[in-house]
PDB file of N, CA and C in Angstrom:
ATOM      1  N   MET A   1       0.617  -1.081   0.123  1.00  0.00           N
ATOM      2  CA  MET A   1      -0.213   0.289  -0.177  1.00  0.00           C
ATOM      3  C   MET A   1       1.096   1.335  -0.153  1.00  0.00           C
ATOM      4  N   GLN A   2       0.401   2.291  -0.662  1.00  0.00           N
ATOM      5  CA  GLN A   2       1.405   3.440  -0.982  1.00  0.00           C
ATOM      6  C   GLN A   2       0.472   4.568   0.187  1.00  0.00           C
ATOM      7  N   ILE A   3       1.184   5.761   0.689  1.00  0.00           N
ATOM      8  CA  ILE A   3       0.747   6.353   1.069  1.00  0.00           C
ATOM      9  C   ILE A   3       0.934   7.552   0.029  1.00  0.00           C
ATOM     10  N   ILE A   4       0.306   8.596   0.007  1.00  0.00           N
ATOM     11  CA  ILE A   4      -0.022   9.588  -0.776  1.00  0.00           C
ATOM     12  C   ILE A   4       0.391  10.462   0.034  1.00  0.00           C
ATOM     13  N   ASP A   5       1.398  11.373  -0.257  1.00  0.00           N
ATOM     14  CA  ASP A   5       1.757  12.790  -0.008  1.00  0.00           C
ATOM     15  C   ASP A   5       0.736  13.788  -0.016  1.00  0.00           C
ATOM     16  N   HIS A   6      -0.336  13.953   0.854  1.00  0.00           N
ATOM     17  CA  HIS A   6      -1.417  15.274   1.072  1.00  0.00           C
ATOM     18  C   HIS A   6      -1.065  16.021   1.798  1.00  0.00           C
ATOM     19  N   PRO A   7      -1.061  17.326   1.843  1.00  0.00           N
ATOM     20  CA  PRO A   7      -1.628  18.257   2.599  1.00  0.00           C
ATOM     21  C   PRO A   7      -2.098  17.736   3.733  1.00  0.00           C
ATOM     22  N   THR A   8      -3.065  16.995   3.857  1.00  0.00           N
ATOM     23  CA  THR A   8      -3.890  16.696   4.972  1.00  0.00           C
ATOM     24  C   THR A   8      -3.173  15.824   5.625  1.00  0.00           C
ATOM     25  N   ASN A   9      -2.249  14.813   5.226  1.00  0.00           N
ATOM     26  CA  ASN A   9      -1.497  13.869   5.882  1.00  0.00           C
ATOM     27  C   ASN A   9      -0.405  14.758   6.477  1.00  0.00           C
ATOM     28  N   ARG A  10      -0.025  15.719   6.024  1.00  0.00           N
ATOM     29  CA  ARG A  10       1.366  16.548   7.194  1.00  0.00           C
ATOM     30  C   ARG A  10       0.695  16.737   8.581  1.00  0.00           C
ATOM     31  N   GLU A  11       1.573  17.146   9.013  1.00  0.00           N
ATOM     32  CA  GLU A  11       1.361  17.678  10.432  1.00  0.00           C
ATOM     33  C   GLU A  11       1.179  19.170  10.061  1.00  0.00           C
ATOM     34  N   LYS A  12       0.059  19.800  10.774  1.00  0.00           N
ATOM     35  CA  LYS A  12      -0.087  21.326  10.641  1.00  0.00           C
ATOM     36  C   LYS A  12       0.888  21.929  11.963  1.00  0.00           C
ATOM     37  N   LYS A  13       1.434  22.762  11.652  1.00  0.00           N
ATOM     38  CA  LYS A  13       2.033  23.468  12.488  1.00  0.00           C
ATOM     39  C   LYS A  13       0.950  24.687  13.159  1.00  0.00           C
ATOM     40  N   VAL A  14       0.623  25.117  13.927  1.00  0.00           N
ATOM     41  CA  VAL A  14       0.088  25.703  14.940  1.00  0.00           C
ATOM     42  C   VAL A  14       0.875  26.917  15.080  1.00  0.00           C
ATOM     43  N   GLU A  15       0.211  28.370  15.026  1.00  0.00           N
ATOM     44  CA  GLU A  15       0.781  29.457  15.394  1.00  0.00           C
ATOM     45  C   GLU A  15      -0.168  30.123  16.991  1.00  0.00           C
ATOM     46  N   TYR A  16       0.796  29.883  18.068  1.00  0.00           N
ATOM     47  CA  TYR A  16      -0.194  29.890  19.277  1.00  0.00           C
ATOM     48  C   TYR A  16       0.080  31.234  19.402  1.00  0.00           C
ATOM     49  N   GLN A  17      -0.759  32.062  20.114  1.00  0.00           N
ATOM     50  CA  GLN A  17      -0.892  33.666  20.434  1.00  0.00           C
ATOM     51  C   GLN A  17       0.102  33.356  22.060  1.00  0.00           C
ATOM     52  N   HIS A  18      -0.221  32.635  22.554  1.00  0.00           N
ATOM     53  CA  HIS A  18       0.391  32.328  23.964  1.00  0.00           C
ATOM     54  C   HIS A  18       1.577  31.247  24.078  1.00  0.00           C
ATOM     55  N   LYS A  19       2.667  31.667  23.131  1.00  0.00           N
ATOM     56  CA  LYS A  19       4.017  31.026  22.511  1.00  0.00           C
ATOM     57  C   LYS A  19       4.957  30.144  23.893  1.00  0.00           C
ATOM     58  N   ASP A  20       4.856  31.437  25.113  1.00  0.00           N
ATOM     59  CA  ASP A  20       5.483  30.652  25.898  1.00  0.00           C
ATOM     60  C   ASP A  20       4.658  29.521  26.703  1.00  0.00           C
ATOM     61  N   LEU A  21       3.285  29.720  26.958  1.00  0.00           N
ATOM     62  CA  LEU A  21       2.521  28.909  27.548  1.00  0.00           C
ATOM     63  C   LEU A  21       2.846  27.347  26.844  1.00  0.00           C
ATOM     64  N   ALA A  22       2.612  27.795  25.486  1.00  0.00           N
ATOM     65  CA  ALA A  22       2.529  26.313  24.434  1.00  0.00           C
ATOM     66  C   ALA A  22       3.565  25.683  24.940  1.00  0.00           C
ATOM     67  N   ALA A  23       4.857  26.421  24.729  1.00  0.00           N
ATOM     68  CA  ALA A  23       6.428  25.489  25.032  1.00  0.00           C
ATOM     69  C   ALA A  23       6.206  24.786  26.424  1.00  0.00           C
ATOM     70  N   GLY A  24       5.408  24.865  26.782  1.00  0.00           N
ATOM     71  CA  GLY A  24       5.654  24.071  28.177  1.00  0.00           C
ATOM     72  C   GLY A  24       4.910  24.738  29.617  1.00  0.00           C
ATOM     73  N   ARG A  25       4.716  25.565  29.729  1.00  0.00           N
ATOM     74  CA  ARG A  25       4.695  26.359  30.957  1.00  0.00           C
ATOM     75  C   ARG A  25       3.029  25.992  31.630  1.00  0.00           C
ATOM     76  N   TRP A  26       2.384  26.108  30.279  1.00  0.00           N
ATOM     77  CA  TRP A  26       0.985  26.008  30.593  1.00  0.00           C
ATOM     78  C   TRP A  26       0.810  24.511  31.011  1.00  0.00           C
ATOM     79  N   ALA A  27       1.286  22.951  30.909  1.00  0.00           N
ATOM     80  CA  ALA A  27       1.407  22.031  31.262  1.00  0.00           C
ATOM     81  C   ALA A  27       1.651  21.842  32.752  1.00  0.00           C
ATOM     82  N   GLN A  28       2.538  22.941  33.412  1.00  0.00           N
ATOM     83  CA  GLN A  28       3.368  22.971  34.542  1.00  0.00           C
ATOM     84  C   GLN A  28       2.437  23.562  35.715  1.00  0.00           C
ATOM     85  N   MET A  29       1.055  24.335  34.993  1.00  0.00           N
ATOM     86  CA  MET A  29      -0.010  24.677  36.332  1.00  0.00           C
ATOM     87  C   MET A  29      -0.671  23.878  36.370  1.00  0.00           C
ATOM     88  N   SER A  30      -1.863  23.720  37.622  1.00  0.00           N
ATOM     89  CA  SER A  30      -2.575  23.211  38.043  1.00  0.00           C
ATOM     90  C   SER A  30      -3.765  23.107  36.883  1.00  0.00           C
ATOM     91  N   LEU A  31      -4.951  22.186  37.249  1.00  0.00           N
ATOM     92  CA  LEU A  31      -5.982  22.181  36.048  1.00  0.00           C
ATOM     93  C   LEU A  31      -6.227  23.769  36.702  1.00  0.00           C
ATOM     94  N   ALA A  32      -6.557  24.003  37.961  1.00  0.00           N
ATOM     95  CA  ALA A  32      -7.481  25.374  38.752  1.00  0.00           C
ATOM     96  C   ALA A  32      -6.963  26.324  38.281  1.00  0.00           C
ATOM     97  N   GLU A  33      -5.542  27.055  38.003  1.00  0.00           N
ATOM     98  CA  GLU A  33      -4.940  27.700  37.472  1.00  0.00           C
ATOM     99  C   GLU A  33      -5.305  27.968  36.098  1.00  0.00           C
ATOM    100  N   GLN A  34      -5.177  26.644  35.205  1.00  0.00           N
ATOM    101  CA  GLN A  34      -5.338  26.942  33.601  1.00  0.00           C
ATOM    102  C   GLN A  34      -7.205  26.970  33.604  1.00  0.00           C
ATOM    103  N   MET A  35      -7.805  26.862  34.263  1.00  0.00           N
ATOM    104  CA  MET A  35      -9.354  27.030  33.761  1.00  0.00           C
ATOM    105  C   MET A  35      -9.395  28.545  34.825  1.00  0.00           C
ATOM    106  N   LEU A  36      -8.558  29.107  35.505  1.00  0.00           N
ATOM    107  CA  LEU A  36      -8.700  30.626  35.852  1.00  0.00           C
ATOM    108  C   LEU A  36      -8.330  31.255  34.825  1.00  0.00           C
ATOM    109  N   ASN A  37      -7.574  31.070  34.185  1.00  0.00           N
ATOM    110  CA  ASN A  37      -6.907  31.935  33.170  1.00  0.00           C
ATOM    111  C   ASN A  37      -7.598  31.837  31.772  1.00  0.00           C
ATOM    112  N   ILE A  38      -8.080  30.699  31.455  1.00  0.00           N
ATOM    113  CA  ILE A  38      -9.489  30.352  30.626  1.00  0.00           C
ATOM    114  C   ILE A  38     -10.654  31.452  30.915  1.00  0.00           C
ATOM    115  N   GLY A  39     -10.910  31.191  32.267  1.00  0.00           N
ATOM    116  CA  GLY A  39     -12.121  32.023  32.758  1.00  0.00           C
ATOM    117  C   GLY A  39     -12.019  33.662  31.988  1.00  0.00           C
ATOM    118  N   SER A  40     -10.888  34.129  32.497  1.00  0.00           N
ATOM    119  CA  SER A  40     -10.481  36.013  32.206  1.00  0.00           C
ATOM    120  C   SER A  40     -10.735  36.082  30.690  1.00  0.00           C
ATOM    121  N   GLU A  41     -10.276  35.168  29.713  1.00  0.00           N
ATOM    122  CA  GLU A  41     -10.546  35.071  28.289  1.00  0.00           C
ATOM    123  C   GLU A  41     -11.972  35.491  28.261  1.00  0.00           C
ATOM    124  N   VAL A  42     -12.718  34.247  28.921  1.00  0.00           N
ATOM    125  CA  VAL A  42     -14.010  33.902  28.628  1.00  0.00           C
ATOM    126  C   VAL A  42     -14.663  35.201  29.008  1.00  0.00           C
ATOM    127  N   SER A  43     -14.604  35.336  29.956  1.00  0.00           N
ATOM    128  CA  SER A  43     -15.128  37.156  30.940  1.00  0.00           C
ATOM    129  C   SER A  43     -14.792  38.424  29.755  1.00  0.00           C
ATOM    130  N   ARG A  44     -13.533  38.335  29.297  1.00  0.00           N
ATOM    131  CA  ARG A  44     -13.257  39.240  28.256  1.00  0.00           C
ATOM    132  C   ARG A  44     -14.112  39.162  27.238  1.00  0.00           C
ATOM    133  N   ALA A  45     -14.529  38.055  26.617  1.00  0.00           N
ATOM    134  CA  ALA A  45     -15.005  37.727  25.240  1.00  0.00           C
ATOM    135  C   ALA A  45     -16.510  38.234  25.929  1.00  0.00           C
ATOM    136  N   ASN A  46     -16.893  37.701  26.800  1.00  0.00           N
ATOM    137  CA  ASN A  46     -18.337  38.072  27.227  1.00  0.00           C
ATOM    138  C   ASN A  46     -18.584  39.388  27.417  1.00  0.00           C
ATOM    139  N   ARG A  47     -17.956  40.409  27.943  1.00  0.00           N
ATOM    140  CA  ARG A  47     -17.977  41.729  28.161  1.00  0.00           C
ATOM    141  C   ARG A  47     -18.288  42.419  26.226  1.00  0.00           C
ATOM    142  N   TRP A  48     -17.038  41.582  25.678  1.00  0.00           N
ATOM    143  CA  TRP A  48     -17.135  42.850  24.290  1.00  0.00           C
ATOM    144  C   TRP A  48     -18.526  42.416  23.299  1.00  0.00           C
ATOM    145  N   ARG A  49     -19.092  40.809  24.049  1.00  0.00           N
ATOM    146  CA  ARG A  49     -20.209  40.580  23.210  1.00  0.00           C
ATOM    147  C   ARG A  49     -21.304  41.656  23.771  1.00  0.00           C
ATOM    148  N   CYS A  50     -21.230  41.831  24.734  1.00  0.00           N
ATOM    149  CA  CYS A  50     -22.128  42.951  25.540  1.00  0.00           C
ATOM    150  C   CYS A  50     -22.346  44.214  24.821  1.00  0.00           C
ATOM    151  N   LYS A  51     -21.048  44.491  24.464  1.00  0.00           N
ATOM    152  CA  LYS A  51     -20.571  46.007  24.287  1.00  0.00           C
ATOM    153  C   LYS A  51     -20.915  45.921  22.534  1.00  0.00           C
ATOM    154  N   GLY A  52     -21.257  44.875  22.056  1.00  0.00           N
ATOM    155  CA  GLY A  52     -21.674  44.735  20.595  1.00  0.00           C
ATOM    156  C   GLY A  52     -20.329  44.729  19.428  1.00  0.00           C
ATOM    157  N   ASN A  53     -19.197  44.354  20.212  1.00  0.00           N
ATOM    158  CA  ASN A  53     -18.152  44.660  19.276  1.00  0.00           C
ATOM    159  C   ASN A  53     -17.685  43.006  19.475  1.00  0.00           C
ATOM    160  N   GLU A  54     -18.127  42.284  18.271  1.00  0.00           N
ATOM    161  CA  GLU A  54     -17.591  40.728  17.558  1.00  0.00           C
ATOM    162  C   GLU A  54     -16.402  40.714  17.255  1.00  0.00           C
ATOM    163  N   GLU A  55     -15.657  41.553  16.877  1.00  0.00           N
ATOM    164  CA  GLU A  55     -14.270  41.450  16.509  1.00  0.00           C
ATOM    165  C   GLU A  55     -13.565  41.364  17.768  1.00  0.00           C
ATOM    166  N   GLN A  56     -13.627  41.869  18.802  1.00  0.00           N
ATOM    167  CA  GLN A  56     -12.429  42.098  20.243  1.00  0.00           C
ATOM    168  C   GLN A  56     -13.340  40.460  20.889  1.00  0.00           C
ATOM    169  N   CYS A  57     -14.794  40.366  20.369  1.00  0.00           N
ATOM    170  CA  CYS A  57     -15.147  39.388  21.287  1.00  0.00           C
ATOM    171  C   CYS A  57     -14.866  37.710  20.765  1.00  0.00           C
ATOM    172  N   HIS A  58     -14.254  38.014  19.536  1.00  0.00           N
ATOM    173  CA  HIS A  58     -13.969  36.564  18.811  1.00  0.00           C
ATOM    174  C   HIS A  58     -12.403  36.527  19.099  1.00  0.00           C
ATOM    175  N   ARG A  59     -11.891  37.842  19.042  1.00  0.00           N
ATOM    176  CA  ARG A  59     -10.223  37.944  19.538  1.00  0.00           C
ATOM    177  C   ARG A  59      -9.854  37.145  21.295  1.00  0.00           C
ATOM    178  N   ALA A  60     -11.094  37.218  21.765  1.00  0.00           N
ATOM    179  CA  ALA A  60     -10.771  37.042  23.060  1.00  0.00           C
ATOM    180  C   ALA A  60     -11.456  35.325  23.285  1.00  0.00           C
ATOM    181  N   ALA A  61     -12.229  35.063  22.529  1.00  0.00           N
ATOM    182  CA  ALA A  61     -12.559  33.726  21.826  1.00  0.00           C
ATOM    183  C   ALA A  61     -11.596  32.738  21.848  1.00  0.00           C
ATOM    184  N   ASP A  62     -10.898  33.452  20.652  1.00  0.00           N
ATOM    185  CA  ASP A  62      -9.945  32.489  19.991  1.00  0.00           C
ATOM    186  C   ASP A  62      -8.675  32.399  21.373  1.00  0.00           C
ATOM    187  N   ARG A  63      -8.581  33.343  22.090  1.00  0.00           N
ATOM    188  CA  ARG A  63      -7.433  32.703  23.053  1.00  0.00           C
ATOM    189  C   ARG A  63      -8.080  31.999  23.930  1.00  0.00           C
ATOM    190  N   ALA A  64      -9.148  32.021  24.168  1.00  0.00           N
ATOM    191  CA  ALA A  64      -9.607  31.181  25.469  1.00  0.00           C
ATOM    192  C   ALA A  64      -9.819  29.696  24.740  1.00  0.00           C
ATOM    193  N   LEU A  65     -10.207  29.704  23.432  1.00  0.00           N
ATOM    194  CA  LEU A  65     -10.133  28.400  22.451  1.00  0.00           C
ATOM    195  C   LEU A  65      -8.862  27.655  22.811  1.00  0.00           C
ATOM    196  N   GLU A  66      -7.918  28.678  22.571  1.00  0.00           N
ATOM    197  CA  GLU A  66      -6.655  28.020  22.485  1.00  0.00           C
ATOM    198  C   GLU A  66      -5.940  27.522  23.704  1.00  0.00           C
ATOM    199  N   LEU A  67      -6.320  28.551  25.086  1.00  0.00           N
ATOM    200  CA  LEU A  67      -5.866  27.858  26.414  1.00  0.00           C
ATOM    201  C   LEU A  67      -6.253  26.896  26.481  1.00  0.00           C
ATOM    202  N   MET A  68      -7.899  26.545  26.214  1.00  0.00           N
ATOM    203  CA  MET A  68      -8.580  25.518  26.295  1.00  0.00           C
ATOM    204  C   MET A  68      -8.005  24.244  25.956  1.00  0.00           C
ATOM    205  N   SER A  69      -7.598  24.275  24.548  1.00  0.00           N
ATOM    206  CA  SER A  69      -6.910  23.133  23.763  1.00  0.00           C
ATOM    207  C   SER A  69      -5.536  22.781  24.651  1.00  0.00           C
ATOM    208  N   LEU A  70      -4.747  23.940  24.806  1.00  0.00           N
ATOM    209  CA  LEU A  70      -3.781  23.274  25.963  1.00  0.00           C
ATOM    210  C   LEU A  70      -3.960  22.925  26.739  1.00  0.00           C
ATOM    211  N   THR A  71      -4.992  23.064  27.523  1.00  0.00           N
ATOM    212  CA  THR A  71      -5.543  22.483  28.864  1.00  0.00           C
ATOM    213  C   THR A  71      -5.797  21.043  28.448  1.00  0.00           C
ATOM    214  N   ILE A  72      -6.393  20.760  27.614  1.00  0.00           N
ATOM    215  CA  ILE A  72      -6.702  19.557  26.856  1.00  0.00           C
ATOM    216  C   ILE A  72      -5.658  18.774  26.865  1.00  0.00           C
ATOM    217  N   ASP A  73      -4.506  18.891  25.958  1.00  0.00           N
ATOM    218  CA  ASP A  73      -3.336  18.412  25.629  1.00  0.00           C
ATOM    219  C   ASP A  73      -2.626  18.311  26.806  1.00  0.00           C
ATOM    220  N   ALA A  74      -2.551  18.940  27.714  1.00  0.00           N
ATOM    221  CA  ALA A  74      -2.023  18.818  29.285  1.00  0.00           C
ATOM    222  C   ALA A  74      -2.353  17.747  30.049  1.00  0.00           C
ATOM    223  N   ASN A  75      -3.692  17.820  29.654  1.00  0.00           N
ATOM    224  CA  ASN A  75      -4.596  17.112  31.026  1.00  0.00           C
ATOM    225  C   ASN A  75      -4.743  15.428  30.043  1.00  0.00           C
ATOM    226  N   THR A  76      -4.283  14.838  28.955  1.00  0.00           N
ATOM    227  CA  THR A  76      -4.823  13.589  28.400  1.00  0.00           C
ATOM    228  C   THR A  76      -4.759  12.270  29.300  1.00  0.00           C
ATOM    229  N   SER A  77      -4.122  12.333  30.367  1.00  0.00           N
ATOM    230  CA  SER A  77      -4.030  11.280  31.372  1.00  0.00           C
ATOM    231  C   SER A  77      -4.644  11.417  32.290  1.00  0.00           C
ATOM    232  N   ARG A  78      -5.366  12.477  32.707  1.00  0.00           N
ATOM    233  CA  ARG A  78      -6.095  12.735  33.644  1.00  0.00           C
ATOM    234  C   ARG A  78      -7.465  12.178  33.941  1.00  0.00           C
ATOM    235  N   PRO A  79      -8.521  12.240  35.214  1.00  0.00           N
ATOM    236  CA  PRO A  79      -9.704  12.382  34.402  1.00  0.00           C
ATOM    237  C   PRO A  79     -10.411  13.312  34.554  1.00  0.00           C
ATOM    238  N   GLY A  80     -11.592  13.326  33.742  1.00  0.00           N
ATOM    239  CA  GLY A  80     -12.120  14.668  32.962  1.00  0.00           C
ATOM    240  C   GLY A  80     -12.427  15.369  31.951  1.00  0.00           C
ATOM    241  N   LEU A  81     -11.253  14.304  31.065  1.00  0.00           N
ATOM    242  CA  LEU A  81     -10.867  14.696  29.946  1.00  0.00           C
ATOM    243  C   LEU A  81     -11.850  14.592  28.991  1.00  0.00           C
ATOM    244  N   LYS A  82     -12.755  14.008  29.271  1.00  0.00           N
ATOM    245  CA  LYS A  82     -14.069  13.877  28.178  1.00  0.00           C
ATOM    246  C   LYS A  82     -14.857  15.401  28.141  1.00  0.00           C
ATOM    247  N   GLU A  83     -14.895  15.541  29.835  1.00  0.00           N
ATOM    248  CA  GLU A  83     -15.377  17.236  30.186  1.00  0.00           C
ATOM    249  C   GLU A  83     -14.979  18.607  29.954  1.00  0.00           C
ATOM    250  N   LEU A  84     -13.624  18.165  29.541  1.00  0.00           N
ATOM    251  CA  LEU A  84     -12.540  19.537  28.977  1.00  0.00           C
ATOM    252  C   LEU A  84     -13.176  19.394  27.378  1.00  0.00           C
ATOM    253  N   CYS A  85     -13.246  18.531  26.605  1.00  0.00           N
ATOM    254  CA  CYS A  85     -13.017  18.470  25.158  1.00  0.00           C
ATOM    255  C   CYS A  85     -14.614  18.807  25.081  1.00  0.00           C
ATOM    256  N   ARG A  86     -15.782  18.532  26.185  1.00  0.00           N
ATOM    257  CA  ARG A  86     -17.057  18.663  25.702  1.00  0.00           C
ATOM    258  C   ARG A  86     -17.499  20.441  26.324  1.00  0.00           C
ATOM    259  N   LEU A  87     -16.489  20.700  27.056  1.00  0.00           N
ATOM    260  CA  LEU A  87     -16.396  22.425  27.385  1.00  0.00           C
ATOM    261  C   LEU A  87     -16.223  23.481  25.960  1.00  0.00           C
ATOM    262  N   TYR A  88     -14.970  22.504  25.476  1.00  0.00           N
ATOM    263  CA  TYR A  88     -14.452  23.378  24.308  1.00  0.00           C
ATOM    264  C   TYR A  88     -15.386  23.518  23.431  1.00  0.00           C
ATOM    265  N   GLU A  89     -15.981  22.245  23.023  1.00  0.00           N
ATOM    266  CA  GLU A  89     -16.986  22.211  22.174  1.00  0.00           C
ATOM    267  C   GLU A  89     -18.427  23.090  22.202  1.00  0.00           C
ATOM    268  N   VAL A  90     -18.877  23.165  23.422  1.00  0.00           N
ATOM    269  CA  VAL A  90     -19.760  24.007  23.661  1.00  0.00           C
ATOM    270  C   VAL A  90     -19.350  25.724  23.763  1.00  0.00           C
ATOM    271  N   MET A  91     -17.999  25.888  23.904  1.00  0.00           N
ATOM    272  CA  MET A  91     -17.329  27.219  24.057  1.00  0.00           C
ATOM    273  C   MET A  91     -17.754  27.572  22.393  1.00  0.00           C
ATOM    274  N   ALA A  92     -17.341  26.298  21.566  1.00  0.00           N
ATOM    275  CA  ALA A  92     -16.650  26.960  20.222  1.00  0.00           C
ATOM    276  C   ALA A  92     -17.996  27.172  19.557  1.00  0.00           C
ATOM    277  N   ASP A  93     -19.175  26.514  19.985  1.00  0.00           N
ATOM    278  CA  ASP A  93     -20.718  26.795  19.348  1.00  0.00           C
ATOM    279  C   ASP A  93     -20.820  27.945  20.136  1.00  0.00           C
ATOM    280  N   TYR A  94     -20.803  28.245  21.174  1.00  0.00           N
ATOM    281  CA  TYR A  94     -21.256  29.586  21.745  1.00  0.00           C
ATOM    282  C   TYR A  94     -21.074  31.107  20.438  1.00  0.00           C
ATOM    283  N   TYR A  95     -19.393  31.036  21.014  1.00  0.00           N
ATOM    284  CA  TYR A  95     -18.887  32.081  20.361  1.00  0.00           C
ATOM    285  C   TYR A  95     -19.027  31.772  18.589  1.00  0.00           C
ATOM    286  N   TYR A  96     -18.934  30.761  17.874  1.00  0.00           N
ATOM    287  CA  TYR A  96     -18.480  30.732  16.767  1.00  0.00           C
ATOM    288  C   TYR A  96     -19.847  30.143  15.733  1.00  0.00           C
ATOM    289  N   GLY A  97     -20.488  29.091  16.350  1.00  0.00           N
ATOM    290  CA  GLY A  97     -21.833  28.050  16.104  1.00  0.00           C
ATOM    291  C   GLY A  97     -22.733  28.973  15.897  1.00  0.00           C
ATOM    292  N   ASP A  98     -24.075  28.086  15.729  1.00  0.00           N
ATOM    293  CA  ASP A  98     -25.539  28.565  16.010  1.00  0.00           C
ATOM    294  C   ASP A  98     -25.707  28.513  17.458  1.00  0.00           C
ATOM    295  N   ASN A  99     -25.086  28.212  18.596  1.00  0.00           N
ATOM    296  CA  ASN A  99     -25.668  28.020  19.731  1.00  0.00           C
ATOM    297  C   ASN A  99     -26.403  27.081  20.183  1.00  0.00           C
ATOM    298  N   VAL A 100     -26.127  25.647  19.878  1.00  0.00           N
ATOM    299  CA  VAL A 100     -27.561  24.619  19.615  1.00  0.00           C
ATOM    300  C   VAL A 100     -27.227  24.042  21.012  1.00  0.00           C
ATOM    301  N   TYR A 101     -26.038  24.365  22.099  1.00  0.00           N
ATOM    302  CA  TYR A 101     -26.402  23.902  23.503  1.00  0.00           C
ATOM    303  C   TYR A 101     -27.105  24.962  24.206  1.00  0.00           C
ATOM    304  N   GLN A 102     -27.729  25.990  23.550  1.00  0.00           N
ATOM    305  CA  GLN A 102     -28.167  27.554  24.255  1.00  0.00           C
ATOM    306  C   GLN A 102     -27.604  27.680  25.691  1.00  0.00           C
ATOM    307  N   THR A 103     -26.261  28.045  25.275  1.00  0.00           N
ATOM    308  CA  THR A 103     -25.225  28.488  26.489  1.00  0.00           C
ATOM    309  C   THR A 103     -25.772  29.438  26.933  1.00  0.00           C
ATOM    310  N   ASP A 104     -25.769  29.984  28.095  1.00  0.00           N
ATOM    311  CA  ASP A 104     -26.102  31.628  28.636  1.00  0.00           C
ATOM    312  C   ASP A 104     -24.646  31.642  29.396  1.00  0.00           C
ATOM    313  N   PRO A 105     -23.849  33.078  28.722  1.00  0.00           N
ATOM    314  CA  PRO A 105     -22.499  33.554  28.981  1.00  0.00           C
ATOM    315  C   PRO A 105     -22.490  33.384  30.162  1.00  0.00           C
ATOM    316  N   GLN A 106     -23.593  33.592  31.237  1.00  0.00           N
ATOM    317  CA  GLN A 106     -23.188  33.778  32.670  1.00  0.00           C
ATOM    318  C   GLN A 106     -22.813  32.123  33.300  1.00  0.00           C
ATOM    319  N   LYS A 107     -23.419  31.210  32.793  1.00  0.00           N
ATOM    320  CA  LYS A 107     -23.735  30.064  33.281  1.00  0.00           C
ATOM    321  C   LYS A 107     -22.145  29.731  32.744  1.00  0.00           C
ATOM    322  N   LEU A 108     -21.848  30.346  31.308  1.00  0.00           N
ATOM    323  CA  LEU A 108     -20.501  29.595  31.014  1.00  0.00           C
ATOM    324  C   LEU A 108     -19.212  30.246  32.211  1.00  0.00           C
ATOM    325  N   GLN A 109     -19.346  31.619  32.344  1.00  0.00           N
ATOM    326  CA  GLN A 109     -18.232  31.848  33.540  1.00  0.00           C
ATOM    327  C   GLN A 109     -18.451  31.330  34.304  1.00  0.00           C
ATOM    328  N   HIS A 110     -19.666  31.015  34.686  1.00  0.00           N
ATOM    329  CA  HIS A 110     -19.623  30.198  36.247  1.00  0.00           C
ATOM    330  C   HIS A 110     -18.833  29.154  36.444  1.00  0.00           C
ATOM    331  N   ASP A 111     -18.971  28.467  35.105  1.00  0.00           N
ATOM    332  CA  ASP A 111     -18.223  27.087  34.858  1.00  0.00           C
ATOM    333  C   ASP A 111     -16.513  27.058  35.292  1.00  0.00           C
ATOM    334  N   PHE A 112     -16.350  28.585  35.329  1.00  0.00           N
ATOM    335  CA  PHE A 112     -14.889  28.729  35.281  1.00  0.00           C
ATOM    336  C   PHE A 112     -14.457  29.288  36.654  1.00  0.00           C
ATOM    337  N   ASP A 113     -15.230  30.469  37.157  1.00  0.00           N
ATOM    338  CA  ASP A 113     -15.383  30.911  38.249  1.00  0.00           C
ATOM    339  C   ASP A 113     -15.218  29.967  39.790  1.00  0.00           C
ATOM    340  N   ILE A 114     -16.190  28.779  39.338  1.00  0.00           N
ATOM    341  CA  ILE A 114     -15.725  27.848  40.393  1.00  0.00           C
ATOM    342  C   ILE A 114     -14.452  27.468  40.909  1.00  0.00           C
ATOM    343  N   PHE A 115     -13.395  27.141  39.847  1.00  0.00           N
ATOM    344  CA  PHE A 115     -11.809  27.098  40.010  1.00  0.00           C
ATOM    345  C   PHE A 115     -11.514  28.186  41.198  1.00  0.00           C
ATOM    346  N   TYR A 116     -12.038  29.252  41.356  1.00  0.00           N
ATOM    347  CA  TYR A 116     -11.206  30.410  42.089  1.00  0.00           C
ATOM    348  C   TYR A 116     -11.340  30.098  43.870  1.00  0.00           C
ATOM    349  N   TYR A 117     -12.465  29.183  44.139  1.00  0.00           N
ATOM    350  CA  TYR A 117     -12.854  28.535  45.329  1.00  0.00           C
ATOM    351  C   TYR A 117     -11.602  27.385  45.540  1.00  0.00           C
ATOM    352  N   ALA A 118     -11.348  26.779  44.424  1.00  0.00           N
ATOM    353  CA  ALA A 118     -10.510  25.646  44.444  1.00  0.00           C
ATOM    354  C   ALA A 118      -9.342  26.182  44.446  1.00  0.00           C
ATOM    355  N   LYS A 119      -8.959  26.918  44.029  1.00  0.00           N
ATOM    356  CA  LYS A 119      -7.697  27.112  44.283  1.00  0.00           C
ATOM    357  C   LYS A 119      -7.311  28.085  45.380  1.00  0.00           C
ATOM    358  N   LYS A 120      -8.214  28.590  46.055  1.00  0.00           N
ATOM    359  CA  LYS A 120      -7.668  29.453  47.454  1.00  0.00           C
ATOM    360  C   LYS A 120      -7.199  28.220  48.251  1.00  0.00           C
TER     361      LYS A 120
END
């Protein structure tokens, strides 16, 4: 069997906005720290959306999804991976999709805020 060299078969090089975190620092943080950082970006995205600035909302949402992706990559061997992946899916749907999960921005923010108490 011959493997055809096709662009989709090659590894994709990702350009991270958070280069220092992607280089390994993110994986050294606790899950609570990771979730709190993601929550900050979610909060920014929600504030921009309330102000009607979708461009800034999407920039913050991009950063939140990037950090969520790094969190999933850093926690592949821990319990809760399925929940992290589902949260990524819900976030992407809320900010870029048709909001089929009927996500409420306050409830989404709450999913991250609860980690504040876990961190204390």
